[in-house]
Amino acid sequence: MTKASELREMSDEQLELTLKEAKENLFRFHIQAQTDRLDAPSELRKHRRLVARVKTIQTERQKAAAAEPAAKS
């Protein structure tokens, strides 16, 4: 799994792609959990946390960008 520090080094486009992939994997794991037994149930938690990390970093960047113009004026 990727660490928050690694995610912070990514560009916005890379973060968006990582988020999309993590959401798709999470969806697949949810479906698999409903229909079959998961080989590694911990994968659900890992992908859920990855989605949360990426969203947190995106929010941090949005807040920083919003605060930048306010600080200049």
PDB file of N, CA and C in Angstrom:
ATOM      1  N   MET A   1       0.839  -1.183   0.000  1.00  0.00           N
ATOM      2  CA  MET A   1       0.000   0.000   0.000  1.00  0.00           C
ATOM      3  C   MET A   1       0.879   1.241   0.000  1.00  0.00           C
ATOM      4  N   THR A   2       0.319   2.284  -0.510  1.00  0.00           N
ATOM      5  CA  THR A   2       1.065   3.533  -0.570  1.00  0.00           C
ATOM      6  C   THR A   2       0.870   4.315   0.721  1.00  0.00           C
ATOM      7  N   LYS A   3       1.923   4.969   1.121  1.00  0.00           N
ATOM      8  CA  LYS A   3       1.884   5.786   2.328  1.00  0.00           C
ATOM      9  C   LYS A   3       1.398   7.179   1.971  1.00  0.00           C
ATOM     10  N   ALA A   4       0.979   7.915   2.980  1.00  0.00           N
ATOM     11  CA  ALA A   4       0.494   9.278   2.767  1.00  0.00           C
ATOM     12  C   ALA A   4       1.597  10.158   2.188  1.00  0.00           C
ATOM     13  N   SER A   5       2.838   9.945   2.641  1.00  0.00           N
ATOM     14  CA  SER A   5       3.946  10.752   2.127  1.00  0.00           C
ATOM     15  C   SER A   5       4.151  10.500   0.630  1.00  0.00           C
ATOM     16  N   GLU A   6       3.980   9.266   0.202  1.00  0.00           N
ATOM     17  CA  GLU A   6       4.095   8.940  -1.228  1.00  0.00           C
ATOM     18  C   GLU A   6       2.959   9.571  -2.012  1.00  0.00           C
ATOM     19  N   LEU A   7       1.762   9.572  -1.427  1.00  0.00           N
ATOM     20  CA  LEU A   7       0.607  10.163  -2.099  1.00  0.00           C
ATOM     21  C   LEU A   7       0.765  11.671  -2.235  1.00  0.00           C
ATOM     22  N   ARG A   8       1.348  12.316  -1.237  1.00  0.00           N
ATOM     23  CA  ARG A   8       1.535  13.769  -1.281  1.00  0.00           C
ATOM     24  C   ARG A   8       2.497  14.187  -2.388  1.00  0.00           C
ATOM     25  N   GLU A   9       3.399  13.285  -2.770  1.00  0.00           N
ATOM     26  CA  GLU A   9       4.356  13.582  -3.831  1.00  0.00           C
ATOM     27  C   GLU A   9       3.728  13.465  -5.220  1.00  0.00           C
ATOM     28  N   MET A  10       2.575  12.843  -5.310  1.00  0.00           N
ATOM     29  CA  MET A  10       1.906  12.650  -6.596  1.00  0.00           C
ATOM     30  C   MET A  10       1.259  13.945  -7.070  1.00  0.00           C
ATOM     31  N   SER A  11       1.096  14.031  -8.386  1.00  0.00           N
ATOM     32  CA  SER A  11       0.374  15.177  -8.948  1.00  0.00           C
ATOM     33  C   SER A  11      -1.128  14.970  -8.752  1.00  0.00           C
ATOM     34  N   ASP A  12      -1.897  16.010  -9.017  1.00  0.00           N
ATOM     35  CA  ASP A  12      -3.351  15.911  -8.868  1.00  0.00           C
ATOM     36  C   ASP A  12      -3.937  14.838  -9.781  1.00  0.00           C
ATOM     37  N   GLU A  13      -3.397  14.731 -10.996  1.00  0.00           N
ATOM     38  CA  GLU A  13      -3.893  13.736 -11.947  1.00  0.00           C
ATOM     39  C   GLU A  13      -3.590  12.324 -11.462  1.00  0.00           C
ATOM     40  N   GLN A  14      -2.390  12.136 -10.920  1.00  0.00           N
ATOM     41  CA  GLN A  14      -2.026  10.814 -10.405  1.00  0.00           C
ATOM     42  C   GLN A  14      -2.896  10.443  -9.215  1.00  0.00           C
ATOM     43  N   LEU A  15      -3.180  11.419  -8.356  1.00  0.00           N
ATOM     44  CA  LEU A  15      -4.051  11.159  -7.210  1.00  0.00           C
ATOM     45  C   LEU A  15      -5.451  10.759  -7.666  1.00  0.00           C
ATOM     46  N   GLU A  16      -5.952  11.460  -8.665  1.00  0.00           N
ATOM     47  CA  GLU A  16      -7.284  11.164  -9.185  1.00  0.00           C
ATOM     48  C   GLU A  16      -7.334   9.744  -9.749  1.00  0.00           C
ATOM     49  N   LEU A  17      -6.291   9.357 -10.476  1.00  0.00           N
ATOM     50  CA  LEU A  17      -6.217   8.008 -11.036  1.00  0.00           C
ATOM     51  C   LEU A  17      -6.118   6.960  -9.925  1.00  0.00           C
ATOM     52  N   THR A  18      -5.317   7.229  -8.918  1.00  0.00           N
ATOM     53  CA  THR A  18      -5.183   6.310  -7.786  1.00  0.00           C
ATOM     54  C   THR A  18      -6.515   6.149  -7.064  1.00  0.00           C
ATOM     55  N   LEU A  19      -7.231   7.249  -6.878  1.00  0.00           N
ATOM     56  CA  LEU A  19      -8.534   7.206  -6.233  1.00  0.00           C
ATOM     57  C   LEU A  19      -9.514   6.365  -7.042  1.00  0.00           C
ATOM     58  N   LYS A  20      -9.516   6.569  -8.342  1.00  0.00           N
ATOM     59  CA  LYS A  20     -10.430   5.816  -9.208  1.00  0.00           C
ATOM     60  C   LYS A  20     -10.143   4.316  -9.132  1.00  0.00           C
ATOM     61  N   GLU A  21      -8.864   3.953  -9.203  1.00  0.00           N
ATOM     62  CA  GLU A  21      -8.481   2.538  -9.132  1.00  0.00           C
ATOM     63  C   GLU A  21      -8.845   1.934  -7.778  1.00  0.00           C
ATOM     64  N   ALA A  22      -8.601   2.678  -6.711  1.00  0.00           N
ATOM     65  CA  ALA A  22      -8.907   2.179  -5.371  1.00  0.00           C
ATOM     66  C   ALA A  22     -10.408   1.971  -5.194  1.00  0.00           C
ATOM     67  N   LYS A  23     -11.204   2.899  -5.718  1.00  0.00           N
ATOM     68  CA  LYS A  23     -12.658   2.755  -5.629  1.00  0.00           C
ATOM     69  C   LYS A  23     -13.146   1.549  -6.419  1.00  0.00           C
ATOM     70  N   GLU A  24     -12.565   1.339  -7.603  1.00  0.00           N
ATOM     71  CA  GLU A  24     -12.950   0.183  -8.409  1.00  0.00           C
ATOM     72  C   GLU A  24     -12.593  -1.121  -7.694  1.00  0.00           C
ATOM     73  N   ASN A  25     -11.397  -1.171  -7.119  1.00  0.00           N
ATOM     74  CA  ASN A  25     -10.984  -2.368  -6.381  1.00  0.00           C
ATOM     75  C   ASN A  25     -11.871  -2.596  -5.162  1.00  0.00           C
ATOM     76  N   LEU A  26     -12.195  -1.526  -4.467  1.00  0.00           N
ATOM     77  CA  LEU A  26     -13.053  -1.629  -3.293  1.00  0.00           C
ATOM     78  C   LEU A  26     -14.430  -2.168  -3.690  1.00  0.00           C
ATOM     79  N   PHE A  27     -14.955  -1.679  -4.794  1.00  0.00           N
ATOM     80  CA  PHE A  27     -16.243  -2.158  -5.290  1.00  0.00           C
ATOM     81  C   PHE A  27     -16.174  -3.649  -5.600  1.00  0.00           C
ATOM     82  N   ARG A  28     -15.090  -4.053  -6.300  1.00  0.00           N
ATOM     83  CA  ARG A  28     -14.918  -5.471  -6.627  1.00  0.00           C
ATOM     84  C   ARG A  28     -14.837  -6.337  -5.378  1.00  0.00           C
ATOM     85  N   PHE A  29     -14.103  -5.855  -4.374  1.00  0.00           N
ATOM     86  CA  PHE A  29     -13.977  -6.618  -3.135  1.00  0.00           C
ATOM     87  C   PHE A  29     -15.310  -6.709  -2.404  1.00  0.00           C
ATOM     88  N   HIS A  30     -16.116  -5.639  -2.436  1.00  0.00           N
ATOM     89  CA  HIS A  30     -17.437  -5.683  -1.804  1.00  0.00           C
ATOM     90  C   HIS A  30     -18.326  -6.713  -2.492  1.00  0.00           C
ATOM     91  N   ILE A  31     -18.324  -6.711  -3.819  1.00  0.00           N
ATOM     92  CA  ILE A  31     -19.127  -7.682  -4.561  1.00  0.00           C
ATOM     93  C   ILE A  31     -18.648  -9.097  -4.267  1.00  0.00           C
ATOM     94  N   GLN A  32     -17.341  -9.287  -4.272  1.00  0.00           N
ATOM     95  CA  GLN A  32     -16.774 -10.601  -4.007  1.00  0.00           C
ATOM     96  C   GLN A  32     -17.113 -11.055  -2.585  1.00  0.00           C
ATOM     97  N   ALA A  33     -17.111 -10.132  -1.642  1.00  0.00           N
ATOM     98  CA  ALA A  33     -17.434 -10.474  -0.259  1.00  0.00           C
ATOM     99  C   ALA A  33     -18.892 -10.908  -0.129  1.00  0.00           C
ATOM    100  N   GLN A  34     -19.753 -10.325  -0.951  1.00  0.00           N
ATOM    101  CA  GLN A  34     -21.173 -10.684  -0.901  1.00  0.00           C
ATOM    102  C   GLN A  34     -21.453 -12.028  -1.564  1.00  0.00           C
ATOM    103  N   THR A  35     -20.710 -12.345  -2.616  1.00  0.00           N
ATOM    104  CA  THR A  35     -20.997 -13.563  -3.369  1.00  0.00           C
ATOM    105  C   THR A  35     -20.128 -14.746  -2.947  1.00  0.00           C
ATOM    106  N   ASP A  36     -18.866 -14.497  -2.675  1.00  0.00           N
ATOM    107  CA  ASP A  36     -17.931 -15.559  -2.304  1.00  0.00           C
ATOM    108  C   ASP A  36     -17.249 -15.187  -0.998  1.00  0.00           C
ATOM    109  N   ARG A  37     -16.324 -16.050  -0.624  1.00  0.00           N
ATOM    110  CA  ARG A  37     -15.460 -15.722   0.512  1.00  0.00           C
ATOM    111  C   ARG A  37     -14.226 -15.030  -0.035  1.00  0.00           C
ATOM    112  N   LEU A  38     -13.820 -13.976   0.641  1.00  0.00           N
ATOM    113  CA  LEU A  38     -12.627 -13.255   0.218  1.00  0.00           C
ATOM    114  C   LEU A  38     -11.381 -14.049   0.609  1.00  0.00           C
ATOM    115  N   ASP A  39     -10.386 -14.034  -0.280  1.00  0.00           N
ATOM    116  CA  ASP A  39      -9.114 -14.672   0.035  1.00  0.00           C
ATOM    117  C   ASP A  39      -8.406 -13.891   1.135  1.00  0.00           C
ATOM    118  N   ALA A  40      -8.476 -12.572   1.049  1.00  0.00           N
ATOM    119  CA  ALA A  40      -7.819 -11.710   2.039  1.00  0.00           C
ATOM    120  C   ALA A  40      -8.795 -10.600   2.456  1.00  0.00           C
ATOM    121  N   PRO A  41      -9.562 -10.827   3.515  1.00  0.00           N
ATOM    122  CA  PRO A  41     -10.522  -9.813   3.952  1.00  0.00           C
ATOM    123  C   PRO A  41      -9.865  -8.485   4.323  1.00  0.00           C
ATOM    124  N   SER A  42      -8.591  -8.517   4.645  1.00  0.00           N
ATOM    125  CA  SER A  42      -7.893  -7.279   5.002  1.00  0.00           C
ATOM    126  C   SER A  42      -7.768  -6.336   3.810  1.00  0.00           C
ATOM    127  N   GLU A  43      -7.928  -6.851   2.603  1.00  0.00           N
ATOM    128  CA  GLU A  43      -7.852  -6.005   1.410  1.00  0.00           C
ATOM    129  C   GLU A  43      -8.963  -4.963   1.406  1.00  0.00           C
ATOM    130  N   LEU A  44     -10.126  -5.310   1.930  1.00  0.00           N
ATOM    131  CA  LEU A  44     -11.220  -4.333   2.016  1.00  0.00           C
ATOM    132  C   LEU A  44     -10.780  -3.131   2.837  1.00  0.00           C
ATOM    133  N   ARG A  45     -10.215  -3.385   3.991  1.00  0.00           N
ATOM    134  CA  ARG A  45      -9.764  -2.306   4.866  1.00  0.00           C
ATOM    135  C   ARG A  45      -8.663  -1.485   4.202  1.00  0.00           C
ATOM    136  N   LYS A  46      -7.720  -2.151   3.558  1.00  0.00           N
ATOM    137  CA  LYS A  46      -6.607  -1.448   2.915  1.00  0.00           C
ATOM    138  C   LYS A  46      -7.098  -0.481   1.850  1.00  0.00           C
ATOM    139  N   HIS A  47      -8.021  -0.936   1.018  1.00  0.00           N
ATOM    140  CA  HIS A  47      -8.516  -0.078  -0.063  1.00  0.00           C
ATOM    141  C   HIS A  47      -9.420   1.026   0.476  1.00  0.00           C
ATOM    142  N   ARG A  48     -10.182   0.722   1.511  1.00  0.00           N
ATOM    143  CA  ARG A  48     -11.028   1.752   2.115  1.00  0.00           C
ATOM    144  C   ARG A  48     -10.153   2.857   2.707  1.00  0.00           C
ATOM    145  N   ARG A  49      -9.069   2.474   3.346  1.00  0.00           N
ATOM    146  CA  ARG A  49      -8.162   3.464   3.930  1.00  0.00           C
ATOM    147  C   ARG A  49      -7.412   4.240   2.855  1.00  0.00           C
ATOM    148  N   LEU A  50      -7.072   3.571   1.751  1.00  0.00           N
ATOM    149  CA  LEU A  50      -6.398   4.268   0.655  1.00  0.00           C
ATOM    150  C   LEU A  50      -7.315   5.346   0.073  1.00  0.00           C
ATOM    151  N   VAL A  51      -8.582   5.009  -0.113  1.00  0.00           N
ATOM    152  CA  VAL A  51      -9.555   5.991  -0.611  1.00  0.00           C
ATOM    153  C   VAL A  51      -9.618   7.177   0.350  1.00  0.00           C
ATOM    154  N   ALA A  52      -9.657   6.902   1.642  1.00  0.00           N
ATOM    155  CA  ALA A  52      -9.729   7.974   2.633  1.00  0.00           C
ATOM    156  C   ALA A  52      -8.468   8.835   2.604  1.00  0.00           C
ATOM    157  N   ARG A  53      -7.297   8.210   2.473  1.00  0.00           N
ATOM    158  CA  ARG A  53      -6.044   8.967   2.423  1.00  0.00           C
ATOM    159  C   ARG A  53      -6.012   9.909   1.221  1.00  0.00           C
ATOM    160  N   VAL A  54      -6.395   9.376   0.065  1.00  0.00           N
ATOM    161  CA  VAL A  54      -6.361  10.188  -1.150  1.00  0.00           C
ATOM    162  C   VAL A  54      -7.335  11.362  -1.029  1.00  0.00           C
ATOM    163  N   LYS A  55      -8.536  11.088  -0.532  1.00  0.00           N
ATOM    164  CA  LYS A  55      -9.516  12.162  -0.377  1.00  0.00           C
ATOM    165  C   LYS A  55      -9.035  13.214   0.615  1.00  0.00           C
ATOM    166  N   THR A  56      -8.365  12.784   1.679  1.00  0.00           N
ATOM    167  CA  THR A  56      -7.835  13.721   2.666  1.00  0.00           C
ATOM    168  C   THR A  56      -6.794  14.629   2.032  1.00  0.00           C
ATOM    169  N   ILE A  57      -5.904  14.057   1.251  1.00  0.00           N
ATOM    170  CA  ILE A  57      -4.853  14.846   0.603  1.00  0.00           C
ATOM    171  C   ILE A  57      -5.459  15.809  -0.401  1.00  0.00           C
ATOM    172  N   GLN A  58      -6.469  15.355  -1.145  1.00  0.00           N
ATOM    173  CA  GLN A  58      -7.136  16.248  -2.099  1.00  0.00           C
ATOM    174  C   GLN A  58      -7.798  17.415  -1.372  1.00  0.00           C
ATOM    175  N   THR A  59      -8.419  17.148  -0.240  1.00  0.00           N
ATOM    176  CA  THR A  59      -9.057  18.203   0.546  1.00  0.00           C
ATOM    177  C   THR A  59      -8.019  19.184   1.076  1.00  0.00           C
ATOM    178  N   GLU A  60      -6.875  18.651   1.552  1.00  0.00           N
ATOM    179  CA  GLU A  60      -5.804  19.520   2.032  1.00  0.00           C
ATOM    180  C   GLU A  60      -5.332  20.459   0.928  1.00  0.00           C
ATOM    181  N   ARG A  61      -5.180  19.934  -0.266  1.00  0.00           N
ATOM    182  CA  ARG A  61      -4.723  20.750  -1.394  1.00  0.00           C
ATOM    183  C   ARG A  61      -5.757  21.806  -1.762  1.00  0.00           C
ATOM    184  N   GLN A  62      -7.033  21.439  -1.732  1.00  0.00           N
ATOM    185  CA  GLN A  62      -8.084  22.403  -2.048  1.00  0.00           C
ATOM    186  C   GLN A  62      -8.119  23.536  -1.022  1.00  0.00           C
ATOM    187  N   LYS A  63      -7.962  23.188   0.241  1.00  0.00           N
ATOM    188  CA  LYS A  63      -7.963  24.213   1.284  1.00  0.00           C
ATOM    189  C   LYS A  63      -6.740  25.114   1.161  1.00  0.00           C
ATOM    190  N   ALA A  64      -5.602  24.547   0.835  1.00  0.00           N
ATOM    191  CA  ALA A  64      -4.390  25.341   0.660  1.00  0.00           C
ATOM    192  C   ALA A  64      -4.529  26.289  -0.523  1.00  0.00           C
ATOM    193  N   ALA A  65      -5.139  25.794  -1.606  1.00  0.00           N
ATOM    194  CA  ALA A  65      -5.338  26.631  -2.786  1.00  0.00           C
ATOM    195  C   ALA A  65      -6.327  27.751  -2.498  1.00  0.00           C
ATOM    196  N   ALA A  66      -7.340  27.482  -1.697  1.00  0.00           N
ATOM    197  CA  ALA A  66      -8.334  28.497  -1.351  1.00  0.00           C
ATOM    198  C   ALA A  66      -7.744  29.530  -0.394  1.00  0.00           C
ATOM    199  N   ALA A  67      -6.834  29.107   0.463  1.00  0.00           N
ATOM    200  CA  ALA A  67      -6.232  30.015   1.433  1.00  0.00           C
ATOM    201  C   ALA A  67      -5.158  30.902   0.787  1.00  0.00           C
ATOM    202  N   GLU A  68      -4.578  30.446  -0.310  1.00  0.00           N
ATOM    203  CA  GLU A  68      -3.510  31.196  -0.975  1.00  0.00           C
ATOM    204  C   GLU A  68      -3.985  32.574  -1.441  1.00  0.00           C
ATOM    205  N   PRO A  69      -5.077  32.669  -2.196  1.00  0.00           N
ATOM    206  CA  PRO A  69      -5.520  34.008  -2.635  1.00  0.00           C
ATOM    207  C   PRO A  69      -5.931  34.899  -1.464  1.00  0.00           C
ATOM    208  N   ALA A  70      -6.478  34.313  -0.429  1.00  0.00           N
ATOM    209  CA  ALA A  70      -6.906  35.100   0.725  1.00  0.00           C
ATOM    210  C   ALA A  70      -5.690  35.671   1.458  1.00  0.00           C
ATOM    211  N   ALA A  71      -4.610  34.926   1.471  1.00  0.00           N
ATOM    212  CA  ALA A  71      -3.402  35.382   2.147  1.00  0.00           C
ATOM    213  C   ALA A  71      -2.722  36.503   1.372  1.00  0.00           C
ATOM    214  N   LYS A  72      -2.887  36.523   0.069  1.00  0.00           N
ATOM    215  CA  LYS A  72      -2.254  37.552  -0.778  1.00  0.00           C
ATOM    216  C   LYS A  72      -2.932  38.904  -0.668  1.00  0.00           C
ATOM    217  N   SER A  73      -4.234  38.885  -0.394  1.00  0.00           N
ATOM    218  CA  SER A  73      -4.942  40.166  -0.356  1.00  0.00           C
ATOM    219  C   SER A  73      -4.938  40.811   0.990  1.00  0.00           C
TER     220      SER A  73
END
